[in-house]
PDB file of N, CA and C in Angstrom:
ATOM      1  N   MET A   1       0.846  -1.180   0.000  1.00  0.00           N
ATOM      2  CA  MET A   1       0.000   0.000   0.000  1.00  0.00           C
ATOM      3  C   MET A   1       0.889   1.240   0.000  1.00  0.00           C
ATOM      4  N   ALA A   2       0.679   2.110  -0.927  1.00  0.00           N
ATOM      5  CA  ALA A   2       1.502   3.310  -1.078  1.00  0.00           C
ATOM      6  C   ALA A   2       0.853   4.509  -0.373  1.00  0.00           C
ATOM      7  N   MET A   3       1.635   5.565  -0.292  1.00  0.00           N
ATOM      8  CA  MET A   3       1.184   6.788   0.368  1.00  0.00           C
ATOM      9  C   MET A   3       1.406   7.951  -0.585  1.00  0.00           C
ATOM     10  N   SER A   4       0.425   8.813  -0.724  1.00  0.00           N
ATOM     11  CA  SER A   4       0.554   9.933  -1.661  1.00  0.00           C
ATOM     12  C   SER A   4       1.374  11.072  -1.052  1.00  0.00           C
ATOM     13  N   ALA A   5       1.935  11.896  -1.923  1.00  0.00           N
ATOM     14  CA  ALA A   5       2.687  13.072  -1.481  1.00  0.00           C
ATOM     15  C   ALA A   5       1.785  13.996  -0.673  1.00  0.00           C
ATOM     16  N   ALA A   6       0.536  14.109  -1.065  1.00  0.00           N
ATOM     17  CA  ALA A   6      -0.410  14.968  -0.343  1.00  0.00           C
ATOM     18  C   ALA A   6      -0.622  14.490   1.089  1.00  0.00           C
ATOM     19  N   GLU A   7      -0.663  13.161   1.281  1.00  0.00           N
ATOM     20  CA  GLU A   7      -0.828  12.609   2.628  1.00  0.00           C
ATOM     21  C   GLU A   7       0.394  12.915   3.493  1.00  0.00           C
ATOM     22  N   ILE A   8       1.573  12.782   2.909  1.00  0.00           N
ATOM     23  CA  ILE A   8       2.805  13.071   3.642  1.00  0.00           C
ATOM     24  C   ILE A   8       2.819  14.545   4.053  1.00  0.00           C
ATOM     25  N   GLU A   9       2.519  15.404   3.101  1.00  0.00           N
ATOM     26  CA  GLU A   9       2.516  16.843   3.373  1.00  0.00           C
ATOM     27  C   GLU A   9       1.497  17.199   4.450  1.00  0.00           C
ATOM     28  N   LYS A  10       0.324  16.588   4.401  1.00  0.00           N
ATOM     29  CA  LYS A  10      -0.727  16.854   5.391  1.00  0.00           C
ATOM     30  C   LYS A  10      -0.252  16.494   6.799  1.00  0.00           C
ATOM     31  N   LEU A  11       0.355  15.327   6.953  1.00  0.00           N
ATOM     32  CA  LEU A  11       0.838  14.900   8.264  1.00  0.00           C
ATOM     33  C   LEU A  11       1.934  15.828   8.792  1.00  0.00           C
ATOM     34  N   ILE A  12       2.812  16.255   7.908  1.00  0.00           N
ATOM     35  CA  ILE A  12       3.884  17.162   8.321  1.00  0.00           C
ATOM     36  C   ILE A  12       3.306  18.510   8.739  1.00  0.00           C
ATOM     37  N   HIS A  13       2.331  19.012   7.966  1.00  0.00           N
ATOM     38  CA  HIS A  13       1.719  20.297   8.324  1.00  0.00           C
ATOM     39  C   HIS A  13       0.903  20.216   9.613  1.00  0.00           C
ATOM     40  N   GLU A  14       0.339  19.065   9.910  1.00  0.00           N
ATOM     41  CA  GLU A  14      -0.377  18.908  11.176  1.00  0.00           C
ATOM     42  C   GLU A  14       0.583  19.070  12.352  1.00  0.00           C
ATOM     43  N   ALA A  15       1.799  18.557  12.206  1.00  0.00           N
ATOM     44  CA  ALA A  15       2.786  18.638  13.276  1.00  0.00           C
ATOM     45  C   ALA A  15       3.513  19.982  13.300  1.00  0.00           C
ATOM     46  N   PHE A  16       3.716  20.564  12.115  1.00  0.00           N
ATOM     47  CA  PHE A  16       4.461  21.815  11.969  1.00  0.00           C
ATOM     48  C   PHE A  16       3.669  22.767  11.071  1.00  0.00           C
ATOM     49  N   PRO A  17       2.697  23.472  11.619  1.00  0.00           N
ATOM     50  CA  PRO A  17       1.833  24.331  10.797  1.00  0.00           C
ATOM     51  C   PRO A  17       2.576  25.394   9.989  1.00  0.00           C
ATOM     52  N   ASP A  18       3.746  25.825  10.463  1.00  0.00           N
ATOM     53  CA  ASP A  18       4.497  26.858   9.757  1.00  0.00           C
ATOM     54  C   ASP A  18       5.424  26.286   8.679  1.00  0.00           C
ATOM     55  N   ALA A  19       5.456  24.987   8.550  1.00  0.00           N
ATOM     56  CA  ALA A  19       6.441  24.336   7.680  1.00  0.00           C
ATOM     57  C   ALA A  19       6.265  24.677   6.208  1.00  0.00           C
ATOM     58  N   GLU A  20       7.415  24.819   5.557  1.00  0.00           N
ATOM     59  CA  GLU A  20       7.462  24.851   4.102  1.00  0.00           C
ATOM     60  C   GLU A  20       7.875  23.443   3.700  1.00  0.00           C
ATOM     61  N   VAL A  21       7.050  22.789   2.900  1.00  0.00           N
ATOM     62  CA  VAL A  21       7.275  21.386   2.556  1.00  0.00           C
ATOM     63  C   VAL A  21       7.302  21.230   1.042  1.00  0.00           C
ATOM     64  N   THR A  22       8.332  20.562   0.560  1.00  0.00           N
ATOM     65  CA  THR A  22       8.422  20.203  -0.849  1.00  0.00           C
ATOM     66  C   THR A  22       8.615  18.699  -0.924  1.00  0.00           C
ATOM     67  N   ILE A  23       7.706  18.023  -1.616  1.00  0.00           N
ATOM     68  CA  ILE A  23       7.775  16.565  -1.751  1.00  0.00           C
ATOM     69  C   ILE A  23       7.994  16.228  -3.221  1.00  0.00           C
ATOM     70  N   THR A  24       8.929  15.334  -3.487  1.00  0.00           N
ATOM     71  CA  THR A  24       9.201  14.872  -4.845  1.00  0.00           C
ATOM     72  C   THR A  24       9.058  13.356  -4.885  1.00  0.00           C
ATOM     73  N   ASP A  25       8.255  12.846  -5.816  1.00  0.00           N
ATOM     74  CA  ASP A  25       8.115  11.405  -6.021  1.00  0.00           C
ATOM     75  C   ASP A  25       9.290  10.963  -6.884  1.00  0.00           C
ATOM     76  N   LEU A  26      10.236  10.246  -6.297  1.00  0.00           N
ATOM     77  CA  LEU A  26      11.481   9.914  -6.975  1.00  0.00           C
ATOM     78  C   LEU A  26      11.344   8.843  -8.052  1.00  0.00           C
ATOM     79  N   ALA A  27      10.379   7.940  -7.888  1.00  0.00           N
ATOM     80  CA  ALA A  27      10.263   6.819  -8.823  1.00  0.00           C
ATOM     81  C   ALA A  27       8.915   6.767  -9.538  1.00  0.00           C
ATOM     82  N   GLY A  28       8.022   7.710  -9.217  1.00  0.00           N
ATOM     83  CA  GLY A  28       6.700   7.703  -9.837  1.00  0.00           C
ATOM     84  C   GLY A  28       5.803   6.584  -9.343  1.00  0.00           C
ATOM     85  N   ASP A  29       6.138   6.023  -8.190  1.00  0.00           N
ATOM     86  CA  ASP A  29       5.383   4.868  -7.679  1.00  0.00           C
ATOM     87  C   ASP A  29       4.674   5.128  -6.353  1.00  0.00           C
ATOM     88  N   ASN A  30       4.634   6.396  -5.907  1.00  0.00           N
ATOM     89  CA  ASN A  30       4.037   6.744  -4.603  1.00  0.00           C
ATOM     90  C   ASN A  30       4.633   5.925  -3.466  1.00  0.00           C
ATOM     91  N   ASP A  31       5.915   5.596  -3.566  1.00  0.00           N
ATOM     92  CA  ASP A  31       6.552   4.768  -2.560  1.00  0.00           C
ATOM     93  C   ASP A  31       7.970   5.233  -2.225  1.00  0.00           C
ATOM     94  N   HIS A  32       8.558   6.056  -3.089  1.00  0.00           N
ATOM     95  CA  HIS A  32       9.926   6.541  -2.898  1.00  0.00           C
ATOM     96  C   HIS A  32       9.928   8.058  -3.075  1.00  0.00           C
ATOM     97  N   TYR A  33      10.118   8.776  -1.974  1.00  0.00           N
ATOM     98  CA  TYR A  33      10.007  10.227  -1.989  1.00  0.00           C
ATOM     99  C   TYR A  33      11.259  10.912  -1.471  1.00  0.00           C
ATOM    100  N   ALA A  34      11.397  12.157  -1.855  1.00  0.00           N
ATOM    101  CA  ALA A  34      12.346  13.067  -1.238  1.00  0.00           C
ATOM    102  C   ALA A  34      11.515  14.218  -0.676  1.00  0.00           C
ATOM    103  N   ALA A  35      11.892  14.692   0.501  1.00  0.00           N
ATOM    104  CA  ALA A  35      11.159  15.793   1.130  1.00  0.00           C
ATOM    105  C   ALA A  35      12.138  16.818   1.685  1.00  0.00           C
ATOM    106  N   MET A  36      11.787  18.067   1.491  1.00  0.00           N
ATOM    107  CA  MET A  36      12.496  19.181   2.120  1.00  0.00           C
ATOM    108  C   MET A  36      11.506  19.848   3.049  1.00  0.00           C
ATOM    109  N   VAL A  37      11.851  19.933   4.327  1.00  0.00           N
ATOM    110  CA  VAL A  37      10.951  20.506   5.332  1.00  0.00           C
ATOM    111  C   VAL A  37      11.705  21.598   6.088  1.00  0.00           C
ATOM    112  N   THR A  38      11.138  22.797   6.094  1.00  0.00           N
ATOM    113  CA  THR A  38      11.713  23.924   6.820  1.00  0.00           C
ATOM    114  C   THR A  38      10.685  24.412   7.834  1.00  0.00           C
ATOM    115  N   SER A  39      11.108  24.524   9.096  1.00  0.00           N
ATOM    116  CA  SER A  39      10.184  24.945  10.150  1.00  0.00           C
ATOM    117  C   SER A  39      10.937  25.626  11.283  1.00  0.00           C
ATOM    118  N   LYS A  40      10.276  26.555  11.946  1.00  0.00           N
ATOM    119  CA  LYS A  40      10.841  27.198  13.135  1.00  0.00           C
ATOM    120  C   LYS A  40      11.025  26.189  14.263  1.00  0.00           C
ATOM    121  N   ALA A  41      10.234  25.123  14.255  1.00  0.00           N
ATOM    122  CA  ALA A  41      10.317  24.106  15.308  1.00  0.00           C
ATOM    123  C   ALA A  41      11.676  23.415  15.346  1.00  0.00           C
ATOM    124  N   PHE A  42      12.436  23.490  14.259  1.00  0.00           N
ATOM    125  CA  PHE A  42      13.730  22.833  14.180  1.00  0.00           C
ATOM    126  C   PHE A  42      14.867  23.676  14.766  1.00  0.00           C
ATOM    127  N   LYS A  43      14.571  24.916  15.091  1.00  0.00           N
ATOM    128  CA  LYS A  43      15.616  25.824  15.594  1.00  0.00           C
ATOM    129  C   LYS A  43      16.242  25.256  16.869  1.00  0.00           C
ATOM    130  N   GLY A  44      17.573  25.187  16.886  1.00  0.00           N
ATOM    131  CA  GLY A  44      18.296  24.679  18.039  1.00  0.00           C
ATOM    132  C   GLY A  44      18.390  23.168  18.107  1.00  0.00           C
ATOM    133  N   LYS A  45      17.805  22.475  17.154  1.00  0.00           N
ATOM    134  CA  LYS A  45      17.826  21.009  17.121  1.00  0.00           C
ATOM    135  C   LYS A  45      18.925  20.535  16.170  1.00  0.00           C
ATOM    136  N   THR A  46      19.495  19.369  16.473  1.00  0.00           N
ATOM    137  CA  THR A  46      20.462  18.771  15.557  1.00  0.00           C
ATOM    138  C   THR A  46      19.712  18.215  14.342  1.00  0.00           C
ATOM    139  N   ARG A  47      20.451  17.933  13.300  1.00  0.00           N
ATOM    140  CA  ARG A  47      19.831  17.370  12.098  1.00  0.00           C
ATOM    141  C   ARG A  47      19.120  16.050  12.415  1.00  0.00           C
ATOM    142  N   VAL A  48      19.736  15.225  13.253  1.00  0.00           N
ATOM    143  CA  VAL A  48      19.126  13.949  13.647  1.00  0.00           C
ATOM    144  C   VAL A  48      17.813  14.208  14.391  1.00  0.00           C
ATOM    145  N   GLN A  49      17.807  15.156  15.311  1.00  0.00           N
ATOM    146  CA  GLN A  49      16.582  15.483  16.045  1.00  0.00           C
ATOM    147  C   GLN A  49      15.499  15.999  15.103  1.00  0.00           C
ATOM    148  N   GLN A  50      15.881  16.830  14.141  1.00  0.00           N
ATOM    149  CA  GLN A  50      14.920  17.345  13.164  1.00  0.00           C
ATOM    150  C   GLN A  50      14.292  16.197  12.380  1.00  0.00           C
ATOM    151  N   HIS A  51      15.106  15.266  11.926  1.00  0.00           N
ATOM    152  CA  HIS A  51      14.593  14.130  11.158  1.00  0.00           C
ATOM    153  C   HIS A  51      13.679  13.265  12.023  1.00  0.00           C
ATOM    154  N   GLN A  52      14.057  13.053  13.284  1.00  0.00           N
ATOM    155  CA  GLN A  52      13.208  12.280  14.190  1.00  0.00           C
ATOM    156  C   GLN A  52      11.858  12.957  14.376  1.00  0.00           C
ATOM    157  N   MET A  53      11.848  14.280  14.442  1.00  0.00           N
ATOM    158  CA  MET A  53      10.591  15.015  14.585  1.00  0.00           C
ATOM    159  C   MET A  53       9.688  14.789  13.378  1.00  0.00           C
ATOM    160  N   VAL A  54      10.278  14.788  12.184  1.00  0.00           N
ATOM    161  CA  VAL A  54       9.480  14.546  10.967  1.00  0.00           C
ATOM    162  C   VAL A  54       8.979  13.105  10.958  1.00  0.00           C
ATOM    163  N   TYR A  55       9.837  12.154  11.295  1.00  0.00           N
ATOM    164  CA  TYR A  55       9.393  10.753  11.335  1.00  0.00           C
ATOM    165  C   TYR A  55       8.264  10.575  12.340  1.00  0.00           C
ATOM    166  N   ASP A  56       8.362  11.251  13.486  1.00  0.00           N
ATOM    167  CA  ASP A  56       7.278  11.199  14.475  1.00  0.00           C
ATOM    168  C   ASP A  56       5.980  11.755  13.887  1.00  0.00           C
ATOM    169  N   ALA A  57       6.088  12.808  13.093  1.00  0.00           N
ATOM    170  CA  ALA A  57       4.906  13.410  12.462  1.00  0.00           C
ATOM    171  C   ALA A  57       4.233  12.442  11.496  1.00  0.00           C
ATOM    172  N   LEU A  58       4.999  11.505  10.954  1.00  0.00           N
ATOM    173  CA  LEU A  58       4.446  10.522  10.009  1.00  0.00           C
ATOM    174  C   LEU A  58       3.734   9.375  10.718  1.00  0.00           C
ATOM    175  N   LYS A  59       3.699   9.411  12.023  1.00  0.00           N
ATOM    176  CA  LYS A  59       2.892   8.515  12.862  1.00  0.00           C
ATOM    177  C   LYS A  59       3.084   7.034  12.555  1.00  0.00           C
ATOM    178  N   GLY A  60       4.336   6.595  12.500  1.00  0.00           N
ATOM    179  CA  GLY A  60       4.625   5.177  12.333  1.00  0.00           C
ATOM    180  C   GLY A  60       4.502   4.639  10.923  1.00  0.00           C
ATOM    181  N   ARG A  61       4.239   5.486   9.958  1.00  0.00           N
ATOM    182  CA  ARG A  61       4.078   5.008   8.582  1.00  0.00           C
ATOM    183  C   ARG A  61       5.410   4.759   7.868  1.00  0.00           C
ATOM    184  N   MET A  62       6.484   5.374   8.374  1.00  0.00           N
ATOM    185  CA  MET A  62       7.796   5.216   7.763  1.00  0.00           C
ATOM    186  C   MET A  62       8.243   3.759   7.878  1.00  0.00           C
ATOM    187  N   GLY A  63       8.661   3.186   6.750  1.00  0.00           N
ATOM    188  CA  GLY A  63       9.107   1.796   6.732  1.00  0.00           C
ATOM    189  C   GLY A  63       7.979   0.809   6.531  1.00  0.00           C
ATOM    190  N   GLY A  64       6.744   1.286   6.563  1.00  0.00           N
ATOM    191  CA  GLY A  64       5.587   0.424   6.328  1.00  0.00           C
ATOM    192  C   GLY A  64       4.836   0.911   5.106  1.00  0.00           C
ATOM    193  N   VAL A  65       3.848   1.754   5.326  1.00  0.00           N
ATOM    194  CA  VAL A  65       3.077   2.343   4.238  1.00  0.00           C
ATOM    195  C   VAL A  65       3.977   3.210   3.364  1.00  0.00           C
ATOM    196  N   LEU A  66       4.899   3.910   3.988  1.00  0.00           N
ATOM    197  CA  LEU A  66       5.848   4.758   3.277  1.00  0.00           C
ATOM    198  C   LEU A  66       7.189   4.043   3.271  1.00  0.00           C
ATOM    199  N   HIS A  67       7.579   3.551   2.109  1.00  0.00           N
ATOM    200  CA  HIS A  67       8.769   2.705   2.001  1.00  0.00           C
ATOM    201  C   HIS A  67      10.070   3.497   2.152  1.00  0.00           C
ATOM    202  N   ALA A  68      10.208   4.599   1.416  1.00  0.00           N
ATOM    203  CA  ALA A  68      11.481   5.330   1.420  1.00  0.00           C
ATOM    204  C   ALA A  68      11.238   6.830   1.373  1.00  0.00           C
ATOM    205  N   LEU A  69      11.950   7.549   2.241  1.00  0.00           N
ATOM    206  CA  LEU A  69      11.861   8.999   2.272  1.00  0.00           C
ATOM    207  C   LEU A  69      13.257   9.574   2.473  1.00  0.00           C
ATOM    208  N   SER A  70      13.770  10.227   1.452  1.00  0.00           N
ATOM    209  CA  SER A  70      15.030  10.951   1.569  1.00  0.00           C
ATOM    210  C   SER A  70      14.677  12.317   2.140  1.00  0.00           C
ATOM    211  N   LEU A  71      15.203  12.631   3.303  1.00  0.00           N
ATOM    212  CA  LEU A  71      14.735  13.794   4.057  1.00  0.00           C
ATOM    213  C   LEU A  71      15.829  14.835   4.221  1.00  0.00           C
ATOM    214  N   GLN A  72      15.460  16.090   3.956  1.00  0.00           N
ATOM    215  CA  GLN A  72      16.307  17.240   4.256  1.00  0.00           C
ATOM    216  C   GLN A  72      15.470  18.168   5.118  1.00  0.00           C
ATOM    217  N   THR A  73      16.094  18.706   6.160  1.00  0.00           N
ATOM    218  CA  THR A  73      15.389  19.633   7.048  1.00  0.00           C
ATOM    219  C   THR A  73      16.246  20.872   7.274  1.00  0.00           C
ATOM    220  N   ALA A  74      15.575  21.954   7.638  1.00  0.00           N
ATOM    221  CA  ALA A  74      16.265  23.192   7.980  1.00  0.00           C
ATOM    222  C   ALA A  74      15.372  24.001   8.902  1.00  0.00           C
ATOM    223  N   ALA A  75      16.005  24.800   9.751  1.00  0.00           N
ATOM    224  CA  ALA A  75      15.280  25.687  10.655  1.00  0.00           C
ATOM    225  C   ALA A  75      15.019  27.021   9.967  1.00  0.00           C
ATOM    226  N   LYS A  76      13.792  27.511  10.125  1.00  0.00           N
ATOM    227  CA  LYS A  76      13.464  28.859   9.639  1.00  0.00           C
ATOM    228  C   LYS A  76      14.054  29.868  10.607  1.00  0.00           C
ATOM    229  N   ASP A  77      14.427  31.009  10.085  1.00  0.00           N
ATOM    230  CA  ASP A  77      14.926  32.092  10.927  1.00  0.00           C
ATOM    231  C   ASP A  77      13.802  32.792  11.638  1.00  0.00           C
TER     232      ASP A  77
END
């Protein structure tokens, strides 16, 4: 079962309402994505912590419904 880019974006925005999110379907199969997420919530967090926050926002779907996500994060000023 695949997950749409819109679903991923919705979950991220629920957790980070101020986020700027760009999702790219890498293989055209709704299963392999790249995401760029920028949010004020990441300020002062390490890159690992930022990624963990995004994975938490995906509510356990990573590795199951969502097979692969190449993730980049940044803190907004």
